[in-house]
């Protein structure tokens, strides 16, 4: 028994150092986790701050696209009307030229 007591006395400082090292490691892990969480929180805030203006611009862009499509529809309708008028004007001009040529 004396030998086992001597061995325990001999290993006691090593157990204490191991215990202290485990405590330091636990504190370091906790500190790292807190920093990581706070860093993530800062990044989340930054992303949120950047997303708000982007969403506003996207809504604005959708509105502008809708207005542009409406304008394109109006211009196409006007273009079709003008083509129709040109067709009739050309026909009327040809009829007038043929009447003048026959006189």
PDB file of N, CA and C in Angstrom:
ATOM      1  N   UNK A   1       0.795  -1.174   0.000  1.00  0.00           N
ATOM      2  CA  UNK A   1       0.000   0.000   0.000  1.00  0.00           C
ATOM      3  C   UNK A   1       0.851   1.256   0.000  1.00  0.00           C
ATOM      4  N   UNK A   2       1.943   1.155   0.579  1.00  0.00           N
ATOM      5  CA  UNK A   2       2.833   2.299   0.630  1.00  0.00           C
ATOM      6  C   UNK A   2       3.266   2.677  -0.769  1.00  0.00           C
ATOM      7  N   UNK A   3       3.440   1.678  -1.613  1.00  0.00           N
ATOM      8  CA  UNK A   3       3.854   1.947  -2.982  1.00  0.00           C
ATOM      9  C   UNK A   3       2.739   2.652  -3.743  1.00  0.00           C
ATOM     10  N   UNK A   4       1.480   2.261  -3.520  1.00  0.00           N
ATOM     11  CA  UNK A   4       0.385   2.903  -4.236  1.00  0.00           C
ATOM     12  C   UNK A   4       0.171   4.327  -3.724  1.00  0.00           C
ATOM     13  N   UNK A   5       0.383   4.573  -2.428  1.00  0.00           N
ATOM     14  CA  UNK A   5       0.288   5.930  -1.892  1.00  0.00           C
ATOM     15  C   UNK A   5       1.391   6.798  -2.463  1.00  0.00           C
ATOM     16  N   UNK A   6       2.602   6.220  -2.573  1.00  0.00           N
ATOM     17  CA  UNK A   6       3.711   6.983  -3.150  1.00  0.00           C
ATOM     18  C   UNK A   6       3.418   7.326  -4.607  1.00  0.00           C
ATOM     19  N   UNK A   7       2.843   6.384  -5.320  1.00  0.00           N
ATOM     20  CA  UNK A   7       2.517   6.603  -6.733  1.00  0.00           C
ATOM     21  C   UNK A   7       1.428   7.679  -6.868  1.00  0.00           C
ATOM     22  N   UNK A   8       0.441   7.640  -5.978  1.00  0.00           N
ATOM     23  CA  UNK A   8      -0.622   8.653  -6.015  1.00  0.00           C
ATOM     24  C   UNK A   8      -0.067  10.016  -5.665  1.00  0.00           C
ATOM     25  N   UNK A   9       0.837  10.064  -4.706  1.00  0.00           N
ATOM     26  CA  UNK A   9       1.454  11.343  -4.357  1.00  0.00           C
ATOM     27  C   UNK A   9       2.290  11.863  -5.511  1.00  0.00           C
ATOM     28  N   UNK A  10       2.951  10.956  -6.200  1.00  0.00           N
ATOM     29  CA  UNK A  10       3.796  11.327  -7.335  1.00  0.00           C
ATOM     30  C   UNK A  10       2.936  11.854  -8.500  1.00  0.00           C
ATOM     31  N   UNK A  11       1.777  11.262  -8.745  1.00  0.00           N
ATOM     32  CA  UNK A  11       0.914  11.640  -9.869  1.00  0.00           C
ATOM     33  C   UNK A  11      -0.016  12.816  -9.555  1.00  0.00           C
ATOM     34  N   UNK A  12      -0.144  13.145  -8.264  1.00  0.00           N
ATOM     35  CA  UNK A  12      -1.061  14.198  -7.850  1.00  0.00           C
ATOM     36  C   UNK A  12      -0.795  15.529  -8.578  1.00  0.00           C
ATOM     37  N   UNK A  13       0.440  16.023  -8.716  1.00  0.00           N
ATOM     38  CA  UNK A  13       0.663  17.283  -9.440  1.00  0.00           C
ATOM     39  C   UNK A  13       0.253  17.183 -10.914  1.00  0.00           C
ATOM     40  N   UNK A  14       0.436  16.004 -11.494  1.00  0.00           N
ATOM     41  CA  UNK A  14       0.067  15.837 -12.895  1.00  0.00           C
ATOM     42  C   UNK A  14      -1.460  15.896 -13.067  1.00  0.00           C
ATOM     43  N   UNK A  15      -2.174  15.293 -12.134  1.00  0.00           N
ATOM     44  CA  UNK A  15      -3.630  15.353 -12.172  1.00  0.00           C
ATOM     45  C   UNK A  15      -4.110  16.793 -11.991  1.00  0.00           C
ATOM     46  N   UNK A  16      -3.443  17.531 -11.102  1.00  0.00           N
ATOM     47  CA  UNK A  16      -3.822  18.931 -10.886  1.00  0.00           C
ATOM     48  C   UNK A  16      -3.580  19.755 -12.154  1.00  0.00           C
ATOM     49  N   UNK A  17      -2.416  19.544 -12.781  1.00  0.00           N
ATOM     50  CA  UNK A  17      -2.104  20.282 -14.015  1.00  0.00           C
ATOM     51  C   UNK A  17      -3.084  19.913 -15.127  1.00  0.00           C
ATOM     52  N   UNK A  18      -3.426  18.632 -15.225  1.00  0.00           N
ATOM     53  CA  UNK A  18      -4.387  18.203 -16.247  1.00  0.00           C
ATOM     54  C   UNK A  18      -5.749  18.840 -15.993  1.00  0.00           C
ATOM     55  N   UNK A  19      -6.156  18.892 -14.728  1.00  0.00           N
ATOM     56  CA  UNK A  19      -7.430  19.501 -14.372  1.00  0.00           C
ATOM     57  C   UNK A  19      -7.429  20.996 -14.710  1.00  0.00           C
ATOM     58  N   UNK A  20      -6.312  21.683 -14.391  1.00  0.00           N
ATOM     59  CA  UNK A  20      -6.198  23.104 -14.707  1.00  0.00           C
ATOM     60  C   UNK A  20      -6.230  23.322 -16.228  1.00  0.00           C
ATOM     61  N   UNK A  21      -5.548  22.449 -16.971  1.00  0.00           N
ATOM     62  CA  UNK A  21      -5.532  22.565 -18.431  1.00  0.00           C
ATOM     63  C   UNK A  21      -6.942  22.366 -19.000  1.00  0.00           C
ATOM     64  N   UNK A  22      -7.686  21.427 -18.460  1.00  0.00           N
ATOM     65  CA  UNK A  22      -9.056  21.206 -18.907  1.00  0.00           C
ATOM     66  C   UNK A  22      -9.926  22.413 -18.605  1.00  0.00           C
ATOM     67  N   UNK A  23      -9.738  23.032 -17.440  1.00  0.00           N
ATOM     68  CA  UNK A  23     -10.492  24.244 -17.093  1.00  0.00           C
ATOM     69  C   UNK A  23     -10.174  25.377 -18.061  1.00  0.00           C
ATOM     70  N   UNK A  24      -8.869  25.582 -18.342  1.00  0.00           N
ATOM     71  CA  UNK A  24      -8.468  26.641 -19.284  1.00  0.00           C
ATOM     72  C   UNK A  24      -9.046  26.374 -20.670  1.00  0.00           C
ATOM     73  N   UNK A  25      -9.002  25.121 -21.082  1.00  0.00           N
ATOM     74  CA  UNK A  25      -9.549  24.759 -22.391  1.00  0.00           C
ATOM     75  C   UNK A  25     -11.051  25.032 -22.452  1.00  0.00           C
ATOM     76  N   UNK A  26     -11.761  24.704 -21.395  1.00  0.00           N
ATOM     77  CA  UNK A  26     -13.206  24.960 -21.352  1.00  0.00           C
ATOM     78  C   UNK A  26     -13.491  26.456 -21.442  1.00  0.00           C
ATOM     79  N   UNK A  27     -12.682  27.279 -20.728  1.00  0.00           N
ATOM     80  CA  UNK A  27     -12.875  28.732 -20.792  1.00  0.00           C
ATOM     81  C   UNK A  27     -12.566  29.255 -22.203  1.00  0.00           C
ATOM     82  N   UNK A  28     -11.499  28.732 -22.801  1.00  0.00           N
ATOM     83  CA  UNK A  28     -11.160  29.163 -24.159  1.00  0.00           C
ATOM     84  C   UNK A  28     -12.256  28.785 -25.154  1.00  0.00           C
ATOM     85  N   UNK A  29     -12.794  27.588 -25.031  1.00  0.00           N
ATOM     86  CA  UNK A  29     -13.880  27.174 -25.916  1.00  0.00           C
ATOM     87  C   UNK A  29     -15.106  28.053 -25.733  1.00  0.00           C
ATOM     88  N   UNK A  30     -15.412  28.403 -24.497  1.00  0.00           N
ATOM     89  CA  UNK A  30     -16.556  29.271 -24.230  1.00  0.00           C
ATOM     90  C   UNK A  30     -16.328  30.658 -24.824  1.00  0.00           C
ATOM     91  N   UNK A  31     -15.120  31.187 -24.657  1.00  0.00           N
ATOM     92  CA  UNK A  31     -14.788  32.499 -25.213  1.00  0.00           C
ATOM     93  C   UNK A  31     -14.886  32.469 -26.733  1.00  0.00           C
ATOM     94  N   UNK A  32     -14.359  31.416 -27.325  1.00  0.00           N
ATOM     95  CA  UNK A  32     -14.402  31.284 -28.787  1.00  0.00           C
ATOM     96  C   UNK A  32     -15.850  31.194 -29.279  1.00  0.00           C
ATOM     97  N   UNK A  33     -16.662  30.425 -28.573  1.00  0.00           N
ATOM     98  CA  UNK A  33     -18.070  30.284 -28.961  1.00  0.00           C
ATOM     99  C   UNK A  33     -18.781  31.628 -28.876  1.00  0.00           C
ATOM    100  N   UNK A  34     -18.502  32.407 -27.830  1.00  0.00           N
ATOM    101  CA  UNK A  34     -19.133  33.728 -27.677  1.00  0.00           C
ATOM    102  C   UNK A  34     -18.710  34.664 -28.792  1.00  0.00           C
ATOM    103  N   UNK A  35     -17.403  34.656 -29.096  1.00  0.00           N
ATOM    104  CA  UNK A  35     -16.916  35.521 -30.177  1.00  0.00           C
ATOM    105  C   UNK A  35     -17.516  35.103 -31.507  1.00  0.00           C
ATOM    106  N   UNK A  36     -17.603  33.815 -31.719  1.00  0.00           N
ATOM    107  CA  UNK A  36     -18.165  33.317 -32.968  1.00  0.00           C
ATOM    108  C   UNK A  36     -19.623  33.726 -33.086  1.00  0.00           C
ATOM    109  N   UNK A  37     -20.377  33.599 -31.998  1.00  0.00           N
ATOM    110  CA  UNK A  37     -21.787  33.980 -32.019  1.00  0.00           C
ATOM    111  C   UNK A  37     -21.952  35.478 -32.219  1.00  0.00           C
ATOM    112  N   UNK A  38     -21.131  36.265 -31.541  1.00  0.00           N
ATOM    113  CA  UNK A  38     -21.252  37.717 -31.706  1.00  0.00           C
ATOM    114  C   UNK A  38     -20.824  38.119 -33.105  1.00  0.00           C
ATOM    115  N   UNK A  39     -19.821  37.458 -33.657  1.00  0.00           N
ATOM    116  CA  UNK A  39     -19.407  37.743 -35.033  1.00  0.00           C
ATOM    117  C   UNK A  39     -20.506  37.396 -36.012  1.00  0.00           C
ATOM    118  N   UNK A  40     -21.161  36.267 -35.769  1.00  0.00           N
ATOM    119  CA  UNK A  40     -22.273  35.878 -36.633  1.00  0.00           C
ATOM    120  C   UNK A  40     -23.420  36.859 -36.510  1.00  0.00           C
ATOM    121  N   UNK A  41     -23.663  37.327 -35.300  1.00  0.00           N
ATOM    122  CA  UNK A  41     -24.745  38.288 -35.080  1.00  0.00           C
ATOM    123  C   UNK A  41     -24.456  39.585 -35.831  1.00  0.00           C
ATOM    124  N   UNK A  42     -23.202  40.032 -35.787  1.00  0.00           N
ATOM    125  CA  UNK A  42     -22.816  41.243 -36.515  1.00  0.00           C
ATOM    126  C   UNK A  42     -23.008  41.037 -38.018  1.00  0.00           C
ATOM    127  N   UNK A  43     -22.638  39.867 -38.495  1.00  0.00           N
ATOM    128  CA  UNK A  43     -22.801  39.575 -39.919  1.00  0.00           C
ATOM    129  C   UNK A  43     -24.277  39.524 -40.287  1.00  0.00           C
ATOM    130  N   UNK A  44     -25.096  38.955 -39.417  1.00  0.00           N
ATOM    131  CA  UNK A  44     -26.535  38.907 -39.683  1.00  0.00           C
ATOM    132  C   UNK A  44     -27.114  40.317 -39.761  1.00  0.00           C
ATOM    133  N   UNK A  45     -26.684  41.174 -38.829  1.00  0.00           N
ATOM    134  CA  UNK A  45     -27.167  42.558 -38.851  1.00  0.00           C
ATOM    135  C   UNK A  45     -26.756  43.241 -40.144  1.00  0.00           C
ATOM    136  N   UNK A  46     -25.513  43.020 -40.565  1.00  0.00           N
ATOM    137  CA  UNK A  46     -25.010  43.648 -41.779  1.00  0.00           C
ATOM    138  C   UNK A  46     -25.795  43.152 -42.991  1.00  0.00           C
ATOM    139  N   UNK A  47     -26.054  41.860 -43.034  1.00  0.00           N
ATOM    140  CA  UNK A  47     -26.823  41.298 -44.143  1.00  0.00           C
ATOM    141  C   UNK A  47     -28.229  41.886 -44.156  1.00  0.00           C
ATOM    142  N   UNK A  48     -28.841  42.005 -42.987  1.00  0.00           N
ATOM    143  CA  UNK A  48     -30.185  42.579 -42.900  1.00  0.00           C
ATOM    144  C   UNK A  48     -30.178  44.029 -43.373  1.00  0.00           C
ATOM    145  N   UNK A  49     -29.165  44.772 -42.949  1.00  0.00           N
ATOM    146  CA  UNK A  49     -29.063  46.174 -43.364  1.00  0.00           C
ATOM    147  C   UNK A  49     -28.886  46.291 -44.868  1.00  0.00           C
ATOM    148  N   UNK A  50     -28.159  45.355 -45.464  1.00  0.00           N
ATOM    149  CA  UNK A  50     -27.945  45.407 -46.906  1.00  0.00           C
ATOM    150  C   UNK A  50     -29.156  44.889 -47.683  1.00  0.00           C
ATOM    151  N   UNK A  51     -29.889  43.972 -47.098  1.00  0.00           N
ATOM    152  CA  UNK A  51     -31.036  43.402 -47.796  1.00  0.00           C
ATOM    153  C   UNK A  51     -32.175  44.401 -47.922  1.00  0.00           C
ATOM    154  N   UNK A  52     -32.361  45.250 -46.947  1.00  0.00           N
ATOM    155  CA  UNK A  52     -33.480  46.202 -46.989  1.00  0.00           C
ATOM    156  C   UNK A  52     -33.419  47.103 -48.219  1.00  0.00           C
ATOM    157  N   UNK A  53     -32.297  47.775 -48.481  1.00  0.00           N
ATOM    158  CA  UNK A  53     -32.256  48.610 -49.691  1.00  0.00           C
ATOM    159  C   UNK A  53     -32.365  47.785 -50.971  1.00  0.00           C
ATOM    160  N   UNK A  54     -31.809  46.588 -50.954  1.00  0.00           N
ATOM    161  CA  UNK A  54     -31.882  45.747 -52.151  1.00  0.00           C
ATOM    162  C   UNK A  54     -33.328  45.377 -52.440  1.00  0.00           C
ATOM    163  N   UNK A  55     -34.080  45.028 -51.408  1.00  0.00           N
ATOM    164  CA  UNK A  55     -35.482  44.684 -51.593  1.00  0.00           C
ATOM    165  C   UNK A  55     -36.265  45.883 -52.113  1.00  0.00           C
ATOM    166  N   UNK A  56     -35.937  47.071 -51.599  1.00  0.00           N
ATOM    167  CA  UNK A  56     -36.596  48.281 -52.084  1.00  0.00           C
ATOM    168  C   UNK A  56     -36.304  48.520 -53.555  1.00  0.00           C
ATOM    169  N   UNK A  57     -35.075  48.316 -53.943  1.00  0.00           N
ATOM    170  CA  UNK A  57     -34.688  48.499 -55.341  1.00  0.00           C
ATOM    171  C   UNK A  57     -35.377  47.451 -56.214  1.00  0.00           C
ATOM    172  N   UNK A  58     -35.495  46.225 -55.711  1.00  0.00           N
ATOM    173  CA  UNK A  58     -36.161  45.181 -56.486  1.00  0.00           C
ATOM    174  C   UNK A  58     -37.629  45.526 -56.718  1.00  0.00           C
ATOM    175  N   UNK A  59     -38.302  46.028 -55.696  1.00  0.00           N
ATOM    176  CA  UNK A  59     -39.703  46.427 -55.844  1.00  0.00           C
ATOM    177  C   UNK A  59     -39.805  47.557 -56.863  1.00  0.00           C
ATOM    178  N   UNK A  60     -38.891  48.498 -56.770  1.00  0.00           N
ATOM    179  CA  UNK A  60     -38.876  49.619 -57.704  1.00  0.00           C
ATOM    180  C   UNK A  60     -38.646  49.128 -59.132  1.00  0.00           C
ATOM    181  N   UNK A  61     -37.739  48.183 -59.270  1.00  0.00           N
ATOM    182  CA  UNK A  61     -37.424  47.636 -60.593  1.00  0.00           C
ATOM    183  C   UNK A  61     -38.637  46.905 -61.177  1.00  0.00           C
ATOM    184  N   UNK A  62     -39.341  46.160 -60.355  1.00  0.00           N
ATOM    185  CA  UNK A  62     -40.539  45.460 -60.827  1.00  0.00           C
ATOM    186  C   UNK A  62     -41.576  46.471 -61.305  1.00  0.00           C
ATOM    187  N   UNK A  63     -41.725  47.552 -60.544  1.00  0.00           N
ATOM    188  CA  UNK A  63     -42.667  48.601 -60.928  1.00  0.00           C
ATOM    189  C   UNK A  63     -42.260  49.240 -62.258  1.00  0.00           C
ATOM    190  N   UNK A  64     -40.971  49.533 -62.391  1.00  0.00           N
ATOM    191  CA  UNK A  64     -40.467  50.127 -63.635  1.00  0.00           C
ATOM    192  C   UNK A  64     -40.658  49.174 -64.811  1.00  0.00           C
ATOM    193  N   UNK A  65     -40.435  47.874 -64.587  1.00  0.00           N
ATOM    194  CA  UNK A  65     -40.631  46.891 -65.654  1.00  0.00           C
ATOM    195  C   UNK A  65     -42.089  46.859 -66.099  1.00  0.00           C
ATOM    196  N   UNK A  66     -43.003  46.937 -65.124  1.00  0.00           N
ATOM    197  CA  UNK A  66     -44.428  46.964 -65.456  1.00  0.00           C
ATOM    198  C   UNK A  66     -44.782  48.188 -66.286  1.00  0.00           C
ATOM    199  N   UNK A  67     -44.239  49.337 -65.886  1.00  0.00           N
ATOM    200  CA  UNK A  67     -44.494  50.571 -66.645  1.00  0.00           C
ATOM    201  C   UNK A  67     -43.912  50.465 -68.048  1.00  0.00           C
ATOM    202  N   UNK A  68     -42.719  49.903 -68.160  1.00  0.00           N
ATOM    203  CA  UNK A  68     -42.083  49.758 -69.466  1.00  0.00           C
ATOM    204  C   UNK A  68     -42.894  48.825 -70.364  1.00  0.00           C
ATOM    205  N   UNK A  69     -43.431  47.743 -69.802  1.00  0.00           N
ATOM    206  CA  UNK A  69     -44.253  46.823 -70.599  1.00  0.00           C
ATOM    207  C   UNK A  69     -45.515  47.509 -71.100  1.00  0.00           C
ATOM    208  N   UNK A  70     -46.139  48.313 -70.249  1.00  0.00           N
ATOM    209  CA  UNK A  70     -47.325  49.062 -70.655  1.00  0.00           C
ATOM    210  C   UNK A  70     -46.980  50.036 -71.788  1.00  0.00           C
ATOM    211  N   UNK A  71     -45.854  50.704 -71.657  1.00  0.00           N
ATOM    212  CA  UNK A  71     -45.425  51.657 -72.690  1.00  0.00           C
ATOM    213  C   UNK A  71     -45.151  50.923 -74.003  1.00  0.00           C
ATOM    214  N   UNK A  72     -44.542  49.751 -73.919  1.00  0.00           N
ATOM    215  CA  UNK A  72     -44.268  48.953 -75.127  1.00  0.00           C
ATOM    216  C   UNK A  72     -45.579  48.546 -75.796  1.00  0.00           C
ATOM    217  N   UNK A  73     -46.574  48.133 -74.992  1.00  0.00           N
ATOM    218  CA  UNK A  73     -47.877  47.770 -75.559  1.00  0.00           C
ATOM    219  C   UNK A  73     -48.508  48.953 -76.285  1.00  0.00           C
ATOM    220  N   UNK A  74     -48.446  50.141 -75.661  1.00  0.00           N
ATOM    221  CA  UNK A  74     -49.011  51.333 -76.288  1.00  0.00           C
ATOM    222  C   UNK A  74     -48.292  51.659 -77.593  1.00  0.00           C
ATOM    223  N   UNK A  75     -46.964  51.558 -77.563  1.00  0.00           N
ATOM    224  CA  UNK A  75     -46.195  51.871 -78.772  1.00  0.00           C
ATOM    225  C   UNK A  75     -46.471  50.870 -79.889  1.00  0.00           C
ATOM    226  N   UNK A  76     -46.639  49.610 -79.543  1.00  0.00           N
ATOM    227  CA  UNK A  76     -46.956  48.603 -80.567  1.00  0.00           C
ATOM    228  C   UNK A  76     -48.326  48.870 -81.186  1.00  0.00           C
ATOM    229  N   UNK A  77     -49.289  49.245 -80.340  1.00  0.00           N
ATOM    230  CA  UNK A  77     -50.631  49.557 -80.860  1.00  0.00           C
ATOM    231  C   UNK A  77     -50.566  50.770 -81.784  1.00  0.00           C
ATOM    232  N   UNK A  78     -49.834  51.782 -81.372  1.00  0.00           N
ATOM    233  CA  UNK A  78     -49.697  52.986 -82.201  1.00  0.00           C
ATOM    234  C   UNK A  78     -48.976  52.660 -83.504  1.00  0.00           C
ATOM    235  N   UNK A  79     -47.971  51.813 -83.427  1.00  0.00           N
ATOM    236  CA  UNK A  79     -47.225  51.407 -84.619  1.00  0.00           C
ATOM    237  C   UNK A  79     -48.144  50.665 -85.593  1.00  0.00           C
ATOM    238  N   UNK A  80     -48.996  49.780 -85.063  1.00  0.00           N
ATOM    239  CA  UNK A  80     -49.929  49.049 -85.919  1.00  0.00           C
ATOM    240  C   UNK A  80     -50.903  50.013 -86.604  1.00  0.00           C
ATOM    241  N   UNK A  81     -51.386  51.021 -85.858  1.00  0.00           N
ATOM    242  CA  UNK A  81     -52.286  52.009 -86.446  1.00  0.00           C
ATOM    243  C   UNK A  81     -51.602  52.780 -87.562  1.00  0.00           C
ATOM    244  N   UNK A  82     -50.349  53.178 -87.317  1.00  0.00           N
ATOM    245  CA  UNK A  82     -49.620  53.939 -88.327  1.00  0.00           C
ATOM    246  C   UNK A  82     -49.355  53.093 -89.574  1.00  0.00           C
ATOM    247  N   UNK A  83     -49.057  51.825 -89.386  1.00  0.00           N
ATOM    248  CA  UNK A  83     -48.855  50.942 -90.550  1.00  0.00           C
ATOM    249  C   UNK A  83     -50.148  50.822 -91.352  1.00  0.00           C
ATOM    250  N   UNK A  84     -51.256  50.717 -90.656  1.00  0.00           N
ATOM    251  CA  UNK A  84     -52.559  50.636 -91.311  1.00  0.00           C
ATOM    252  C   UNK A  84     -52.818  51.911 -92.125  1.00  0.00           C
ATOM    253  N   UNK A  85     -52.531  53.053 -91.507  1.00  0.00           N
ATOM    254  CA  UNK A  85     -52.732  54.329 -92.204  1.00  0.00           C
ATOM    255  C   UNK A  85     -51.821  54.430 -93.427  1.00  0.00           C
ATOM    256  N   UNK A  86     -50.576  53.991 -93.283  1.00  0.00           N
ATOM    257  CA  UNK A  86     -49.634  54.045 -94.409  1.00  0.00           C
ATOM    258  C   UNK A  86     -50.133  53.180 -95.555  1.00  0.00           C
ATOM    259  N   UNK A  87     -50.623  51.999 -95.217  1.00  0.00           N
ATOM    260  CA  UNK A  87     -51.142  51.106 -96.260  1.00  0.00           C
ATOM    261  C   UNK A  87     -52.260  51.789 -97.045  1.00  0.00           C
ATOM    262  N   UNK A  88     -53.197  52.424 -96.347  1.00  0.00           N
ATOM    263  CA  UNK A  88     -54.309  53.092 -97.019  1.00  0.00           C
ATOM    264  C   UNK A  88     -53.849  54.334 -97.783  1.00  0.00           C
ATOM    265  N   UNK A  89     -52.889  55.053 -97.226  1.00  0.00           N
ATOM    266  CA  UNK A  89     -52.371  56.228 -97.938  1.00  0.00           C
ATOM    267  C   UNK A  89     -51.655  55.819 -99.218  1.00  0.00           C
ATOM    268  N   UNK A  90     -50.891  54.754 -99.152  1.00  0.00           N
ATOM    269  CA  UNK A  90     -50.186  54.273-100.359  1.00  0.00           C
ATOM    270  C   UNK A  90     -51.202  53.818-101.396  1.00  0.00           C
ATOM    271  N   UNK A  91     -52.246  53.109-100.969  1.00  0.00           N
ATOM    272  CA  UNK A  91     -53.285  52.661-101.899  1.00  0.00           C
ATOM    273  C   UNK A  91     -53.993  53.862-102.534  1.00  0.00           C
ATOM    274  N   UNK A  92     -54.302  54.861-101.704  1.00  0.00           N
ATOM    275  CA  UNK A  92     -54.973  56.057-102.230  1.00  0.00           C
ATOM    276  C   UNK A  92     -54.065  56.803-103.200  1.00  0.00           C
ATOM    277  N   UNK A  93     -52.780  56.845-102.909  1.00  0.00           N
ATOM    278  CA  UNK A  93     -51.824  57.511-103.797  1.00  0.00           C
ATOM    279  C   UNK A  93     -51.730  56.779-105.131  1.00  0.00           C
ATOM    280  N   UNK A  94     -51.716  55.464-105.105  1.00  0.00           N
ATOM    281  CA  UNK A  94     -51.657  54.683-106.347  1.00  0.00           C
ATOM    282  C   UNK A  94     -52.925  54.879-107.171  1.00  0.00           C
ATOM    283  N   UNK A  95     -54.079  54.936-106.506  1.00  0.00           N
ATOM    284  CA  UNK A  95     -55.343  55.165-107.210  1.00  0.00           C
ATOM    285  C   UNK A  95     -55.340  56.551-107.855  1.00  0.00           C
ATOM    286  N   UNK A  96     -54.831  57.530-107.110  1.00  0.00           N
ATOM    287  CA  UNK A  96     -54.780  58.893-107.655  1.00  0.00           C
ATOM    288  C   UNK A  96     -53.823  58.950-108.834  1.00  0.00           C
ATOM    289  N   UNK A  97     -52.689  58.295-108.737  1.00  0.00           N
ATOM    290  CA  UNK A  97     -51.719  58.279-109.854  1.00  0.00           C
ATOM    291  C   UNK A  97     -52.327  57.580-111.065  1.00  0.00           C
ATOM    292  N   UNK A  98     -53.045  56.490-110.844  1.00  0.00           N
ATOM    293  CA  UNK A  98     -53.632  55.780-111.990  1.00  0.00           C
ATOM    294  C   UNK A  98     -54.751  56.610-112.645  1.00  0.00           C
ATOM    295  N   UNK A  99     -55.521  57.382-111.845  1.00  0.00           N
ATOM    296  CA  UNK A  99     -56.552  58.260-112.404  1.00  0.00           C
ATOM    297  C   UNK A  99     -55.923  59.373-113.224  1.00  0.00           C
ATOM    298  N   UNK A 100     -54.803  59.931-112.717  1.00  0.00           N
ATOM    299  CA  UNK A 100     -54.111  60.988-113.456  1.00  0.00           C
ATOM    300  C   UNK A 100     -53.492  60.432-114.741  1.00  0.00           C
ATOM    301  N   UNK A 101     -53.005  59.238-114.677  1.00  0.00           N
ATOM    302  CA  UNK A 101     -52.367  58.655-115.864  1.00  0.00           C
ATOM    303  C   UNK A 101     -53.421  58.301-116.922  1.00  0.00           C
ATOM    304  N   UNK A 102     -54.605  57.963-116.538  1.00  0.00           N
ATOM    305  CA  UNK A 102     -55.640  57.592-117.498  1.00  0.00           C
ATOM    306  C   UNK A 102     -56.272  58.824-118.163  1.00  0.00           C
ATOM    307  N   UNK A 103     -56.114  60.004-117.633  1.00  0.00           N
ATOM    308  CA  UNK A 103     -56.711  61.223-118.225  1.00  0.00           C
ATOM    309  C   UNK A 103     -55.868  61.731-119.290  1.00  0.00           C
TER     310      UNK A 103
END
